[in-house]
C-alpha atoms as a PDB file:
ATOM      1  CA  MET A   1      48.136 126.969  84.369  1.00  0.00           C
ATOM      2  CA  PRO A   2      52.126 126.562  83.558  1.00  0.00           C
ATOM      3  CA  ARG A   3      53.335 127.274  80.265  1.00  0.00           C
ATOM      4  CA  ASP A   4      54.179 123.360  79.717  1.00  0.00           C
ATOM      5  CA  SER A   5      51.177 122.680  80.146  1.00  0.00           C
ATOM      6  CA  PHE A   6      49.135 124.913  77.573  1.00  0.00           C
ATOM      7  CA  PRO A   7      46.686 122.991  75.386  1.00  0.00           C
ATOM      8  CA  ARG A   8      47.760 122.594  72.132  1.00  0.00           C
ATOM      9  CA  ILE A   9      44.599 121.965  70.259  1.00  0.00           C
ATOM     10  CA  GLY A  10      42.003 124.980  70.938  1.00  0.00           C
ATOM     11  CA  LEU A  11      38.561 125.613  69.736  1.00  0.00           C
ATOM     12  CA  GLY A  12      38.373 128.382  67.633  1.00  0.00           C
ATOM     13  CA  THR A  13      35.000 130.292  67.340  1.00  0.00           C
ATOM     14  CA  TYR A  14      34.826 132.666  64.506  1.00  0.00           C
ATOM     15  CA  SER A  15      31.805 132.730  62.640  1.00  0.00           C
ATOM     16  CA  ASP A  16      30.388 135.280  60.196  1.00  0.00           C
ATOM     17  CA  ASP A  17      26.598 134.365  61.176  1.00  0.00           C
ATOM     18  CA  ASN A  18      24.737 132.482  63.991  1.00  0.00           C
ATOM     19  CA  ARG A  19      26.861 133.402  66.538  1.00  0.00           C
ATOM     20  CA  GLU A  20      24.541 132.331  69.514  1.00  0.00           C
ATOM     21  CA  GLN A  21      25.584 129.052  68.528  1.00  0.00           C
ATOM     22  CA  TRP A  22      28.876 129.379  70.611  1.00  0.00           C
ATOM     23  CA  ALA A  23      27.280 128.801  74.042  1.00  0.00           C
ATOM     24  CA  ASP A  24      26.075 125.354  73.134  1.00  0.00           C
ATOM     25  CA  ASN A  25      29.541 124.732  71.083  1.00  0.00           C
ATOM     26  CA  VAL A  26      31.605 126.095  73.991  1.00  0.00           C
ATOM     27  CA  GLN A  27      29.812 123.933  76.091  1.00  0.00           C
ATOM     28  CA  THR A  28      30.123 120.645  74.181  1.00  0.00           C
ATOM     29  CA  ALA A  29      33.661 121.361  73.299  1.00  0.00           C
ATOM     30  CA  LEU A  30      34.534 121.993  77.471  1.00  0.00           C
ATOM     31  CA  GLU A  31      32.151 118.316  77.753  1.00  0.00           C
ATOM     32  CA  SER A  32      34.574 116.872  75.099  1.00  0.00           C
ATOM     33  CA  GLY A  33      37.890 117.931  77.044  1.00  0.00           C
ATOM     34  CA  TYR A  34      38.906 120.895  74.960  1.00  0.00           C
ATOM     35  CA  ARG A  35      40.556 123.103  77.566  1.00  0.00           C
ATOM     36  CA  HIS A  36      41.485 126.170  75.513  1.00  0.00           C
ATOM     37  CA  VAL A  37      38.599 128.310  73.894  1.00  0.00           C
ATOM     38  CA  ASP A  38      39.359 131.492  71.651  1.00  0.00           C
ATOM     39  CA  THR A  39      37.442 134.646  70.533  1.00  0.00           C
ATOM     40  CA  ALA A  40      37.843 137.929  69.635  1.00  0.00           C
ATOM     41  CA  GLN A  41      36.557 141.222  69.792  1.00  0.00           C
ATOM     42  CA  VAL A  42      35.487 141.502  66.326  1.00  0.00           C
ATOM     43  CA  TYR A  43      33.564 137.716  66.395  1.00  0.00           C
ATOM     44  CA  GLU A  44      30.781 139.600  68.091  1.00  0.00           C
ATOM     45  CA  ASN A  45      30.390 136.165  70.323  1.00  0.00           C
ATOM     46  CA  GLU A  46      32.062 137.055  73.508  1.00  0.00           C
ATOM     47  CA  GLN A  47      28.755 136.721  75.304  1.00  0.00           C
ATOM     48  CA  TYR A  48      27.716 133.471  74.013  1.00  0.00           C
ATOM     49  CA  VAL A  49      31.434 131.681  74.276  1.00  0.00           C
ATOM     50  CA  GLY A  50      31.072 133.111  78.139  1.00  0.00           C
ATOM     51  CA  GLU A  51      27.608 131.659  78.371  1.00  0.00           C
ATOM     52  CA  GLY A  52      29.342 128.420  77.298  1.00  0.00           C
ATOM     53  CA  LEU A  53      31.796 128.800  80.050  1.00  0.00           C
ATOM     54  CA  ARG A  54      29.341 129.038  82.309  1.00  0.00           C
ATOM     55  CA  SER A  55      27.020 126.531  81.551  1.00  0.00           C
ATOM     56  CA  SER A  56      29.849 123.914  81.537  1.00  0.00           C
ATOM     57  CA  ALA A  57      31.038 121.921  84.712  1.00  0.00           C
ATOM     58  CA  VAL A  58      34.370 122.537  83.746  1.00  0.00           C
ATOM     59  CA  ASP A  59      36.246 124.794  86.854  1.00  0.00           C
ATOM     60  CA  ARG A  60      36.935 128.146  84.893  1.00  0.00           C
ATOM     61  CA  ASP A  61      40.548 127.609  86.598  1.00  0.00           C
ATOM     62  CA  ASP A  62      41.078 124.631  84.263  1.00  0.00           C
ATOM     63  CA  ILE A  63      39.958 126.591  81.103  1.00  0.00           C
ATOM     64  CA  PHE A  64      42.744 128.411  79.023  1.00  0.00           C
ATOM     65  CA  LEU A  65      40.201 131.834  77.538  1.00  0.00           C
ATOM     66  CA  SER A  66      42.084 133.599  75.190  1.00  0.00           C
ATOM     67  CA  THR A  67      40.475 136.683  73.311  1.00  0.00           C
ATOM     68  CA  LYS A  68      41.533 139.664  70.547  1.00  0.00           C
ATOM     69  CA  THR A  69      41.410 143.423  70.815  1.00  0.00           C
ATOM     70  CA  VAL A  70      42.684 145.824  68.587  1.00  0.00           C
ATOM     71  CA  HIS A  71      41.168 145.004  65.106  1.00  0.00           C
ATOM     72  CA  HIS A  72      42.032 147.188  62.194  1.00  0.00           C
ATOM     73  CA  ASP A  73      39.050 149.063  62.684  1.00  0.00           C
ATOM     74  CA  VAL A  74      38.009 148.793  66.388  1.00  0.00           C
ATOM     75  CA  PRO A  75      38.504 150.986  68.276  1.00  0.00           C
ATOM     76  CA  ASP A  76      38.758 154.143  66.567  1.00  0.00           C
ATOM     77  CA  ASP A  77      41.692 155.943  68.813  1.00  0.00           C
ATOM     78  CA  PRO A  78      44.616 154.346  71.090  1.00  0.00           C
ATOM     79  CA  ALA A  79      43.104 156.065  73.896  1.00  0.00           C
ATOM     80  CA  ASP A  80      40.034 153.394  73.691  1.00  0.00           C
ATOM     81  CA  VAL A  81      42.149 150.548  74.036  1.00  0.00           C
ATOM     82  CA  PRO A  82      41.654 150.249  77.758  1.00  0.00           C
ATOM     83  CA  ASP A  83      37.882 150.559  77.142  1.00  0.00           C
ATOM     84  CA  ALA A  84      37.920 147.654  74.598  1.00  0.00           C
ATOM     85  CA  ILE A  85      39.676 145.463  76.880  1.00  0.00           C
ATOM     86  CA  ASP A  86      37.278 146.250  79.761  1.00  0.00           C
ATOM     87  CA  GLY A  87      34.428 145.437  77.204  1.00  0.00           C
ATOM     88  CA  CYS A  88      35.882 141.955  77.043  1.00  0.00           C
ATOM     89  CA  LEU A  89      35.898 140.778  79.612  1.00  0.00           C
ATOM     90  CA  GLU A  90      32.218 142.157  80.365  1.00  0.00           C
ATOM     91  CA  ARG A  91      31.091 140.303  77.583  1.00  0.00           C
ATOM     92  CA  LEU A  92      32.996 137.084  78.609  1.00  0.00           C
ATOM     93  CA  GLY A  93      31.569 137.302  82.085  1.00  0.00           C
ATOM     94  CA  VAL A  94      35.466 136.919  83.754  1.00  0.00           C
ATOM     95  CA  ASP A  95      37.728 139.232  85.707  1.00  0.00           C
ATOM     96  CA  ALA A  96      40.847 137.943  83.495  1.00  0.00           C
ATOM     97  CA  VAL A  97      41.626 136.108  80.471  1.00  0.00           C
ATOM     98  CA  ASP A  98      44.111 133.902  80.213  1.00  0.00           C
ATOM     99  CA  LEU A  99      45.377 135.201  77.081  1.00  0.00           C
ATOM    100  CA  LEU A 100      44.814 138.622  75.457  1.00  0.00           C
ATOM    101  CA  TYR A 101      46.535 139.562  71.949  1.00  0.00           C
ATOM    102  CA  VAL A 102      46.658 142.702  69.311  1.00  0.00           C
ATOM    103  CA  HIS A 103      44.414 141.138  67.082  1.00  0.00           C
ATOM    104  CA  TRP A 104      45.971 142.780  64.052  1.00  0.00           C
ATOM    105  CA  PRO A 105      48.935 145.379  63.565  1.00  0.00           C
ATOM    106  CA  SER A 106      47.237 147.929  61.649  1.00  0.00           C
ATOM    107  CA  GLY A 107      44.501 150.121  61.559  1.00  0.00           C
ATOM    108  CA  ILE A 108      45.191 152.487  65.456  1.00  0.00           C
ATOM    109  CA  TYR A 109      48.155 150.014  65.822  1.00  0.00           C
ATOM    110  CA  ASP A 110      51.020 151.271  66.760  1.00  0.00           C
ATOM    111  CA  HIS A 111      53.474 149.830  69.652  1.00  0.00           C
ATOM    112  CA  GLU A 112      54.692 153.003  71.010  1.00  0.00           C
ATOM    113  CA  THR A 113      50.845 153.928  72.223  1.00  0.00           C
ATOM    114  CA  VAL A 114      48.838 150.895  71.818  1.00  0.00           C
ATOM    115  CA  LEU A 115      51.165 148.196  73.828  1.00  0.00           C
ATOM    116  CA  PRO A 116      51.486 150.143  77.002  1.00  0.00           C
ATOM    117  CA  HIS A 117      47.866 149.716  77.495  1.00  0.00           C
ATOM    118  CA  TYR A 118      48.618 145.955  77.272  1.00  0.00           C
ATOM    119  CA  ASN A 119      51.015 146.426  79.805  1.00  0.00           C
ATOM    120  CA  ASP A 120      49.090 148.133  82.029  1.00  0.00           C
ATOM    121  CA  ALA A 121      46.111 145.253  81.453  1.00  0.00           C
ATOM    122  CA  TYR A 122      48.561 142.413  82.337  1.00  0.00           C
ATOM    123  CA  GLU A 123      50.067 144.585  85.331  1.00  0.00           C
ATOM    124  CA  ALA A 124      46.489 144.926  86.952  1.00  0.00           C
ATOM    125  CA  GLY A 125      45.644 141.397  86.291  1.00  0.00           C
ATOM    126  CA  LYS A 126      43.232 141.605  83.492  1.00  0.00           C
ATOM    127  CA  THR A 127      45.420 139.397  81.160  1.00  0.00           C
ATOM    128  CA  ARG A 128      47.645 136.616  82.767  1.00  0.00           C
ATOM    129  CA  ARG A 129      49.487 136.476  79.627  1.00  0.00           C
ATOM    130  CA  VAL A 130      50.212 138.988  76.300  1.00  0.00           C
ATOM    131  CA  GLY A 131      50.232 137.935  72.683  1.00  0.00           C
ATOM    132  CA  LEU A 132      50.233 139.087  69.299  1.00  0.00           C
ATOM    133  CA  SER A 133      48.572 138.240  65.829  1.00  0.00           C
ATOM    134  CA  ASN A 134      49.075 138.482  62.531  1.00  0.00           C
ATOM    135  CA  PHE A 135      52.511 140.509  62.959  1.00  0.00           C
ATOM    136  CA  THR A 136      55.535 139.892  60.829  1.00  0.00           C
ATOM    137  CA  PRO A 137      59.181 139.072  62.384  1.00  0.00           C
ATOM    138  CA  GLU A 138      60.167 142.631  61.974  1.00  0.00           C
ATOM    139  CA  LEU A 139      56.947 143.698  63.564  1.00  0.00           C
ATOM    140  CA  LEU A 140      57.359 141.247  66.671  1.00  0.00           C
ATOM    141  CA  ASP A 141      61.225 142.499  67.081  1.00  0.00           C
ATOM    142  CA  GLU A 142      59.550 146.113  67.507  1.00  0.00           C
ATOM    143  CA  ALA A 143      56.594 145.035  69.869  1.00  0.00           C
ATOM    144  CA  ARG A 144      59.093 142.794  72.172  1.00  0.00           C
ATOM    145  CA  GLU A 145      60.908 146.226  72.795  1.00  0.00           C
ATOM    146  CA  VAL A 146      57.817 147.881  74.525  1.00  0.00           C
ATOM    147  CA  LEU A 147      55.828 144.781  75.463  1.00  0.00           C
ATOM    148  CA  GLU A 148      56.792 144.470  79.500  1.00  0.00           C
ATOM    149  CA  ALA A 149      55.341 140.993  80.171  1.00  0.00           C
ATOM    150  CA  PRO A 150      56.750 138.233  78.337  1.00  0.00           C
ATOM    151  CA  LEU A 151      55.232 137.189  74.693  1.00  0.00           C
ATOM    152  CA  PHE A 152      53.789 134.305  75.303  1.00  0.00           C
ATOM    153  CA  ALA A 153      51.885 133.342  71.832  1.00  0.00           C
ATOM    154  CA  HIS A 154      51.625 134.868  68.011  1.00  0.00           C
ATOM    155  CA  GLN A 155      48.753 133.347  66.119  1.00  0.00           C
ATOM    156  CA  VAL A 156      48.917 133.786  62.436  1.00  0.00           C
ATOM    157  CA  GLU A 157      47.166 131.464  59.877  1.00  0.00           C
ATOM    158  CA  MET A 158      49.030 128.348  59.282  1.00  0.00           C
ATOM    159  CA  HIS A 159      48.291 125.115  57.959  1.00  0.00           C
ATOM    160  CA  PRO A 160      50.251 122.313  55.139  1.00  0.00           C
ATOM    161  CA  LEU A 161      49.258 125.146  52.494  1.00  0.00           C
ATOM    162  CA  LEU A 162      50.662 127.935  54.875  1.00  0.00           C
ATOM    163  CA  PRO A 163      53.550 126.493  56.466  1.00  0.00           C
ATOM    164  CA  GLN A 164      55.062 129.890  58.150  1.00  0.00           C
ATOM    165  CA  GLU A 165      58.568 128.475  58.492  1.00  0.00           C
ATOM    166  CA  GLU A 166      59.829 132.018  59.294  1.00  0.00           C
ATOM    167  CA  LEU A 167      57.448 132.444  61.811  1.00  0.00           C
ATOM    168  CA  VAL A 168      57.620 129.090  63.395  1.00  0.00           C
ATOM    169  CA  ALA A 169      61.805 129.600  63.729  1.00  0.00           C
ATOM    170  CA  TYR A 170      61.011 133.051  65.368  1.00  0.00           C
ATOM    171  CA  ALA A 171      58.675 131.059  68.419  1.00  0.00           C
ATOM    172  CA  GLN A 172      61.094 128.325  68.623  1.00  0.00           C
ATOM    173  CA  GLU A 173      64.450 130.543  69.051  1.00  0.00           C
ATOM    174  CA  HIS A 174      62.042 133.117  71.372  1.00  0.00           C
ATOM    175  CA  ASP A 175      60.459 130.336  73.033  1.00  0.00           C
ATOM    176  CA  HIS A 176      56.624 131.338  72.628  1.00  0.00           C
ATOM    177  CA  TRP A 177      53.765 129.386  71.118  1.00  0.00           C
ATOM    178  CA  LEU A 178      52.636 129.543  67.280  1.00  0.00           C
ATOM    179  CA  VAL A 179      49.469 129.578  67.315  1.00  0.00           C
ATOM    180  CA  ALA A 180      47.588 128.623  64.517  1.00  0.00           C
ATOM    181  CA  TYR A 181      44.188 129.831  63.149  1.00  0.00           C
ATOM    182  CA  SER A 182      42.380 128.176  60.094  1.00  0.00           C
ATOM    183  CA  PRO A 183      44.848 124.988  60.468  1.00  0.00           C
ATOM    184  CA  LEU A 184      42.830 123.299  57.806  1.00  0.00           C
ATOM    185  CA  ALA A 185      42.499 126.397  55.332  1.00  0.00           C
ATOM    186  CA  LYS A 186      38.770 126.149  55.550  1.00  0.00           C
ATOM    187  CA  GLY A 187      38.785 122.536  53.996  1.00  0.00           C
ATOM    188  CA  GLU A 188      40.947 123.259  51.269  1.00  0.00           C
ATOM    189  CA  VAL A 189      43.421 120.709  53.292  1.00  0.00           C
ATOM    190  CA  PHE A 190      40.919 117.678  52.554  1.00  0.00           C
ATOM    191  CA  ASP A 191      41.620 117.551  48.881  1.00  0.00           C
ATOM    192  CA  VAL A 192      44.924 117.736  48.720  1.00  0.00           C
ATOM    193  CA  PRO A 193      46.696 114.111  47.793  1.00  0.00           C
ATOM    194  CA  GLU A 194      49.431 114.150  49.815  1.00  0.00           C
ATOM    195  CA  ILE A 195      47.263 114.394  53.006  1.00  0.00           C
ATOM    196  CA  GLN A 196      44.897 112.192  51.797  1.00  0.00           C
ATOM    197  CA  ASP A 197      47.484 109.412  51.630  1.00  0.00           C
ATOM    198  CA  VAL A 198      49.149 110.250  54.788  1.00  0.00           C
ATOM    199  CA  ALA A 199      45.250 109.937  56.123  1.00  0.00           C
ATOM    200  CA  ASP A 200      44.647 106.257  54.335  1.00  0.00           C
ATOM    201  CA  LYS A 201      47.840 105.032  55.518  1.00  0.00           C
ATOM    202  CA  HIS A 202      46.892 106.192  58.962  1.00  0.00           C
ATOM    203  CA  ASP A 203      43.055 105.401  59.064  1.00  0.00           C
ATOM    204  CA  ALA A 204      42.871 109.326  59.847  1.00  0.00           C
ATOM    205  CA  THR A 205      40.901 112.238  58.303  1.00  0.00           C
ATOM    206  CA  PRO A 206      42.612 114.425  56.702  1.00  0.00           C
ATOM    207  CA  ALA A 207      42.135 117.320  58.895  1.00  0.00           C
ATOM    208  CA  GLN A 208      43.642 114.746  61.631  1.00  0.00           C
ATOM    209  CA  VAL A 209      46.540 114.680  59.720  1.00  0.00           C
ATOM    210  CA  SER A 210      46.754 118.365  59.003  1.00  0.00           C
ATOM    211  CA  LEU A 211      46.073 118.969  62.386  1.00  0.00           C
ATOM    212  CA  ALA A 212      48.815 116.622  63.742  1.00  0.00           C
ATOM    213  CA  TRP A 213      51.101 117.737  60.921  1.00  0.00           C
ATOM    214  CA  LEU A 214      51.105 121.362  62.782  1.00  0.00           C
ATOM    215  CA  LEU A 215      51.581 119.816  66.386  1.00  0.00           C
ATOM    216  CA  SER A 216      54.757 118.071  65.080  1.00  0.00           C
ATOM    217  CA  HIS A 217      56.538 121.325  65.016  1.00  0.00           C
ATOM    218  CA  ASP A 218      58.094 122.153  68.557  1.00  0.00           C
ATOM    219  CA  ASN A 219      56.118 125.700  69.887  1.00  0.00           C
ATOM    220  CA  VAL A 220      53.002 125.356  67.188  1.00  0.00           C
ATOM    221  CA  ALA A 221      49.428 124.720  68.753  1.00  0.00           C
ATOM    222  CA  ALA A 222      46.000 124.814  66.550  1.00  0.00           C
ATOM    223  CA  ILE A 223      41.913 126.055  67.070  1.00  0.00           C
ATOM    224  CA  PRO A 224      40.415 124.566  64.509  1.00  0.00           C
ATOM    225  CA  LYS A 225      37.083 125.429  64.402  1.00  0.00           C
ATOM    226  CA  ALA A 226      34.268 122.636  65.027  1.00  0.00           C
ATOM    227  CA  SER A 227      30.536 122.561  66.024  1.00  0.00           C
ATOM    228  CA  SER A 228      29.777 119.109  66.457  1.00  0.00           C
ATOM    229  CA  ARG A 229      30.703 116.622  69.102  1.00  0.00           C
ATOM    230  CA  GLU A 230      32.162 114.304  66.471  1.00  0.00           C
ATOM    231  CA  HIS A 231      34.622 116.520  64.693  1.00  0.00           C
ATOM    232  CA  MET A 232      35.410 118.408  68.179  1.00  0.00           C
ATOM    233  CA  ALA A 233      36.133 114.417  69.211  1.00  0.00           C
ATOM    234  CA  GLN A 234      38.589 113.709  65.981  1.00  0.00           C
ATOM    235  CA  ASN A 235      40.373 117.235  66.155  1.00  0.00           C
ATOM    236  CA  LEU A 236      41.001 116.399  69.690  1.00  0.00           C
ATOM    237  CA  ALA A 237      42.123 112.658  68.771  1.00  0.00           C
ATOM    238  CA  ALA A 238      44.544 114.527  66.211  1.00  0.00           C
ATOM    239  CA  ALA A 239      47.059 114.963  69.416  1.00  0.00           C
ATOM    240  CA  ASP A 240      47.900 111.250  69.547  1.00  0.00           C
ATOM    241  CA  LEU A 241      48.410 110.829  66.125  1.00  0.00           C
ATOM    242  CA  GLU A 242      51.981 110.211  65.150  1.00  0.00           C
ATOM    243  CA  LEU A 243      53.435 110.896  62.058  1.00  0.00           C
ATOM    244  CA  ASP A 244      56.553 109.479  61.086  1.00  0.00           C
ATOM    245  CA  ASP A 245      59.062 111.176  59.098  1.00  0.00           C
ATOM    246  CA  ASP A 246      58.206 110.285  55.905  1.00  0.00           C
ATOM    247  CA  ASP A 247      54.890 111.504  56.152  1.00  0.00           C
ATOM    248  CA  ILE A 248      56.399 114.985  57.717  1.00  0.00           C
ATOM    249  CA  ASP A 249      58.551 114.745  54.435  1.00  0.00           C
ATOM    250  CA  LEU A 250      55.183 114.265  52.170  1.00  0.00           C
ATOM    251  CA  ILE A 251      53.347 117.015  53.769  1.00  0.00           C
ATOM    252  CA  ASP A 252      56.485 119.323  53.512  1.00  0.00           C
ATOM    253  CA  SER A 253      57.175 118.330  49.757  1.00  0.00           C
ATOM    254  CA  ILE A 254      53.753 119.968  49.278  1.00  0.00           C
ATOM    255  CA  GLU A 255      54.488 123.035  46.507  1.00  0.00           C
ATOM    256  CA  ARG A 256      50.348 124.317  46.695  1.00  0.00           C
ATOM    257  CA  ARG A 257      50.767 127.539  48.604  1.00  0.00           C
ATOM    258  CA  HIS A 258      47.802 129.453  49.579  1.00  0.00           C
ATOM    259  CA  ARG A 259      46.564 132.032  51.981  1.00  0.00           C
ATOM    260  CA  VAL A 260      42.843 131.889  53.497  1.00  0.00           C
ATOM    261  CA  ILE A 261      42.897 135.577  54.751  1.00  0.00           C
ATOM    262  CA  ASP A 262      44.443 137.456  52.717  1.00  0.00           C
ATOM    263  CA  ALA A 263      43.094 140.729  54.253  1.00  0.00           C
ATOM    264  CA  ASP A 264      44.381 144.145  52.691  1.00  0.00           C
ATOM    265  CA  HIS A 265      45.328 145.176  56.289  1.00  0.00           C
ATOM    266  CA  GLY A 266      47.291 142.438  56.649  1.00  0.00           C
ATOM    267  CA  PRO A 267      51.403 143.688  57.317  1.00  0.00           C
ATOM    268  CA  TRP A 268      52.481 140.737  53.902  1.00  0.00           C
ATOM    269  CA  ASN A 269      50.432 143.217  51.884  1.00  0.00           C
ATOM    270  CA  TRP A 270      52.099 146.429  52.689  1.00  0.00           C
END
């Protein structure tokens, strides 16, 4: 899949319960037109995501599949990283993923001991691309010095209440994707007056407006979570919603700032 065909709206699959739902959800999403599915070792749902892939009539080569390992508390030692990567592939039931992320730059993470294992996975064909998640610009610089594969994507929380201007500019400068997780701020964007005003203007939902605002930025993609066919279709339709300059200026004027995933081990808290 060429870089310029990267599906800019994908399916996020995190949930802290009912992990089995992702077998049906992934199949439904693919039937609805999704071609980008994102999961992670720590989500404990990779086996169900894999079931959804296999149950779908969509050819595996047409699906962009990403997963993440090296969470802040798994694995336990840098030497365990290869086994963790192999475990992701085994649970997903695939020989390779399209994108493998370092989930957090914390816990056992050290660029000199962890990233060589990602280079090895890339060279062995276990992942077609390498990504990072929850990094700062300084940590991205450090990582790029070690990575032999081009950095394809950086995944972070991003939405109208956390616009991530510095990381967007970094992605545009270095020509990688910024993939927005929690792009609806766990529903908090629904009650923001500026977003509601734009939604009313376009006869759209606040979710669609928030996603369209994200996609108005070059080099930005989004992975909203959805479990119903209706919400999946609405999210995909956001790619066709064209916001004008006034809409974008209004959303950019929102002063409220809020991070919904504010982990103690996040580098912004160091």
